[in-house]
Structure formats: structure tokens, C-alpha cells
């Protein structure tokens, strides 16, 4: 799984809701990797220091599900290369930059590629997960601001990718 701000929720859902046996998270920012561990990732790898391919080869693993939560165009081809036959790849990004892929890798492995951007009426489902304790929102919220400071909250969210995951705005009467 390529890391991004969506990723901690995805890790929790994979582990807590879908009971995925092993979740691997890759990122170049150690602070994000620590948050991924806290959200339930079994393995984290700083892919700025070690290639994900080398890590998977060492462990003898071929991913059956790859989620690109980092949303960088180069990741799709890497995901195709890393995936096991019949794997699923989920893209969460919406970059306008073109990406180059080799079709043979998709067809030869019979991969399925999905995109996810809209909630598809999933709010009731996710609220149910929260109520059952299957995902923990406290592991996602890194900063809290009164809504009067929304500009500060947005600025922090945009500029501090090392420490900021989700910002909660509070409204008091």
C-alpha cells in the first residue's frame, strides 16, 4: 500500500473490517509510517531507503491487493509490476498528470484495476464500523481547531505532511 492521508483509515478497514492477514505500508516519511503502525499495519517500509520490490522479495510476498493512497502517477506501473496474478489494484488519486503503463502486465496477470473517489453512499456503513469499534477515529485525528481558526487548520493540513493526518474542527455554542 502506498501511503497518503487516506491510508490510515484504509489500514484500519483492511485489518478491522475485512480481517486482512498482512498489511504492508510504504512511504518515504517516517512519521507517516509510525501512524500506519498505530493504525494496524503489520509491516512498514520507508521506500526512500529500501525498494518495495526488494522488501517483498526478501519476505517472499506477492501482493493480492494494492491500494495507492499516495496518488502519484508513477505508482500505477509499479503496482502492476509488484502485483500477484489476479490481484486487485485500487487507485485513490486523481492526478491530471499522465502515467505510462505496460498493458501486457495487466492482461498477462489478469489484474483488476479500480478507482475510488466517491463515497457511493457508504456513510451509513462507515458509521456502523465506528459504532462497532472496527475503526478508531482517534487514530486519524492529529490536530483539533476551533472553527474560527479554519484558515490555520487548512494551512497546517496543506503544509505539514509529516505530522498532520486529519484536522478536526470544533464548534462550540
Protein backbone atom coordinates (compact mmCIF):
# COMPACT_ATOMS: atom_id res chain seq x y z
CA UNK A 1 0.00 0.00 0.00
CA UNK A 2 1.38 3.38 -0.92
CA UNK A 3 0.84 5.82 1.89
CA UNK A 4 -1.15 9.02 1.88
CA UNK A 5 -3.59 10.80 4.12
CA UNK A 6 -6.31 8.31 3.18
CA UNK A 7 -4.18 5.42 4.21
CA UNK A 8 -4.69 5.16 7.98
CA UNK A 9 -8.41 4.70 7.51
CA UNK A 10 -7.77 2.11 4.82
CA UNK A 11 -5.35 0.20 7.06
CA UNK A 12 -7.91 0.13 9.86
CA UNK A 13 -10.67 -1.03 7.49
CA UNK A 14 -8.49 -3.76 5.99
CA UNK A 15 -7.49 -5.07 9.41
CA UNK A 16 -10.61 -4.40 11.49
CA UNK A 17 -13.42 -4.83 8.99
CA UNK A 18 -12.08 -7.20 6.34
CA UNK A 19 -9.64 -9.15 8.57
CA UNK A 20 -6.79 -8.91 6.06
CA UNK A 21 -3.94 -11.07 7.35
CA UNK A 22 -0.98 -8.86 6.46
CA UNK A 23 -0.93 -5.18 5.58
CA UNK A 24 2.26 -3.57 4.32
CA UNK A 25 2.51 0.22 4.11
CA UNK A 26 5.21 2.01 2.12
CA UNK A 27 6.03 5.70 2.45
CA UNK A 28 9.05 7.99 2.42
CA UNK A 29 8.06 9.80 5.61
CA UNK A 30 8.84 8.01 8.87
CA UNK A 31 6.18 9.89 10.83
CA UNK A 32 3.51 8.60 8.47
CA UNK A 33 4.87 5.09 8.80
CA UNK A 34 4.57 5.35 12.57
CA UNK A 35 0.92 6.40 12.19
CA UNK A 36 0.37 3.43 9.87
CA UNK A 37 1.77 1.10 12.56
CA UNK A 38 -0.56 2.65 15.13
CA UNK A 39 -3.45 2.03 12.74
CA UNK A 40 -2.62 -1.67 12.45
CA UNK A 41 -0.09 -2.10 9.64
CA UNK A 42 1.90 -5.31 10.09
CA UNK A 43 4.94 -4.04 8.21
CA UNK A 44 6.04 -0.56 7.25
CA UNK A 45 8.81 0.24 4.83
CA UNK A 46 10.48 3.52 4.03
CA UNK A 47 10.67 3.14 0.26
CA UNK A 48 13.06 6.07 0.10
CA UNK A 49 15.60 3.83 1.84
CA UNK A 50 14.68 0.38 0.50
CA UNK A 51 12.79 -0.58 -2.62
CA UNK A 52 9.41 -2.13 -2.06
CA UNK A 53 10.32 -4.83 -4.59
CA UNK A 54 13.39 -5.80 -2.53
CA UNK A 55 11.33 -5.91 0.65
CA UNK A 56 8.67 -8.13 -0.94
CA UNK A 57 11.34 -10.41 -2.43
CA UNK A 58 13.01 -10.80 0.99
CA UNK A 59 9.68 -11.79 2.55
CA UNK A 60 8.62 -13.97 -0.39
CA UNK A 61 5.42 -11.96 -0.83
CA UNK A 62 3.34 -11.03 -3.87
CA UNK A 63 0.51 -8.61 -3.01
CA UNK A 64 -3.04 -9.65 -3.88
CA UNK A 65 -4.42 -6.17 -3.16
CA UNK A 66 -2.55 -2.91 -3.71
CA UNK A 67 -4.06 0.42 -2.67
CA UNK A 68 -2.43 3.56 -4.00
CA UNK A 69 -3.25 6.20 -1.42
CA UNK A 70 -0.26 8.39 -2.33
CA UNK A 71 -1.86 9.32 -5.63
CA UNK A 72 1.30 9.74 -7.71
CA UNK A 73 1.11 8.78 -11.41
CA UNK A 74 4.27 6.63 -11.30
CA UNK A 75 2.77 4.27 -8.74
CA UNK A 76 0.35 2.54 -11.12
CA UNK A 77 3.10 0.92 -13.18
CA UNK A 78 4.96 -0.06 -10.00
CA UNK A 79 1.75 -1.60 -8.63
CA UNK A 80 1.29 -3.58 -11.84
CA UNK A 81 4.85 -4.89 -11.56
CA UNK A 82 4.53 -5.81 -7.87
CA UNK A 83 1.09 -7.42 -8.01
CA UNK A 84 0.48 -11.14 -7.92
CA UNK A 85 -1.54 -12.77 -10.69
CA UNK A 86 -5.27 -11.95 -10.37
CA UNK A 87 -4.51 -9.14 -7.89
CA UNK A 88 -6.62 -6.04 -7.43
CA UNK A 89 -5.22 -2.52 -7.63
CA UNK A 90 -7.17 0.40 -6.15
CA UNK A 91 -6.33 3.96 -7.18
CA UNK A 92 -7.45 6.73 -4.85
CA UNK A 93 -5.81 9.64 -6.63
CA UNK A 94 -7.00 11.95 -9.33
CA UNK A 95 -3.78 13.38 -10.70
CA UNK A 96 -4.05 15.12 -14.04
CA UNK A 97 -0.51 14.02 -14.92
CA UNK A 98 -0.34 11.19 -17.45
CA UNK A 99 1.11 7.88 -16.37
CA UNK A 100 2.79 5.32 -18.54
CA UNK A 101 1.79 1.69 -18.14
CA UNK A 102 2.55 -1.55 -19.94
CA UNK A 103 -0.72 -3.24 -20.86
CA UNK A 104 0.90 -6.66 -21.02
CA UNK A 105 1.45 -6.56 -17.25
CA UNK A 106 -2.26 -6.00 -16.65
CA UNK A 107 -3.57 -8.55 -19.11
CA UNK A 108 -0.83 -11.12 -18.53
CA UNK A 109 -1.51 -11.20 -14.79
CA UNK A 110 -5.29 -10.75 -15.23
CA UNK A 111 -5.26 -7.76 -12.88
CA UNK A 112 -8.34 -5.79 -11.89
CA UNK A 113 -7.93 -2.03 -11.50
CA UNK A 114 -10.46 0.00 -9.54
CA UNK A 115 -10.73 3.66 -8.71
CA UNK A 116 -12.23 5.16 -5.61
CA UNK A 117 -13.10 8.78 -5.15
CA UNK A 118 -16.79 8.99 -4.34
CA UNK A 119 -18.28 7.53 -1.20
CA UNK A 120 -21.00 5.63 -3.13
CA UNK A 121 -23.47 6.08 -0.26
CA UNK A 122 -21.13 4.39 2.21
CA UNK A 123 -21.60 6.82 5.11
CA UNK A 124 -24.06 4.53 6.94
CA UNK A 125 -21.68 1.58 6.52
CA UNK A 126 -18.67 3.51 7.83
CA UNK A 127 -20.68 4.96 10.71
CA UNK A 128 -21.55 1.36 11.60
CA UNK A 129 -17.85 0.48 11.63
CA UNK A 130 -17.24 3.39 14.00
CA UNK A 131 -20.10 2.35 16.29
CA UNK A 132 -18.80 -1.24 16.42
CA UNK A 133 -15.23 -0.07 17.11
CA UNK A 134 -13.91 -1.63 13.90
CA UNK A 135 -12.11 1.60 13.07
CA UNK A 136 -10.87 4.15 15.60
CA UNK A 137 -11.20 7.80 14.59
CA UNK A 138 -8.86 8.84 17.41
CA UNK A 139 -6.00 7.26 15.43
CA UNK A 140 -6.82 9.51 12.49
CA UNK A 141 -7.28 12.95 14.07
CA UNK A 142 -3.90 14.55 14.64
CA UNK A 143 -4.99 18.16 15.19
CA UNK A 144 -8.06 19.95 16.54
CA UNK A 145 -9.01 23.57 15.86
CA UNK A 146 -11.97 25.73 16.74
CA UNK A 147 -13.78 26.54 13.51
CA UNK A 148 -12.85 30.21 13.96
CA UNK A 149 -9.29 29.11 13.10
CA UNK A 150 -10.21 27.22 9.94
CA UNK A 151 -7.57 29.09 7.92
CA UNK A 152 -4.85 27.91 10.31
CA UNK A 153 -6.23 24.38 10.12
CA UNK A 154 -6.18 24.33 6.32
CA UNK A 155 -2.68 25.77 6.23
CA UNK A 156 -1.41 23.13 8.64
CA UNK A 157 -3.10 20.35 6.67
CA UNK A 158 -1.54 21.54 3.41
CA UNK A 159 1.96 22.20 4.75
CA UNK A 160 2.70 19.62 7.46
CA UNK A 161 2.54 16.27 5.72
CA UNK A 162 4.88 14.72 8.28
CA UNK A 163 2.60 15.10 11.28
CA UNK A 164 -0.85 16.07 10.03
CA UNK A 165 -3.37 13.42 9.01
CA UNK A 166 -6.85 14.67 9.77
CA UNK A 167 -7.84 18.02 11.24
CA UNK A 168 -10.99 18.17 13.35
CA UNK A 169 -12.88 21.46 13.52
CA UNK A 170 -14.86 22.02 16.71
CA UNK A 171 -17.99 24.12 17.01
CA UNK A 172 -19.00 25.39 20.42
CA UNK A 173 -22.09 27.43 21.20
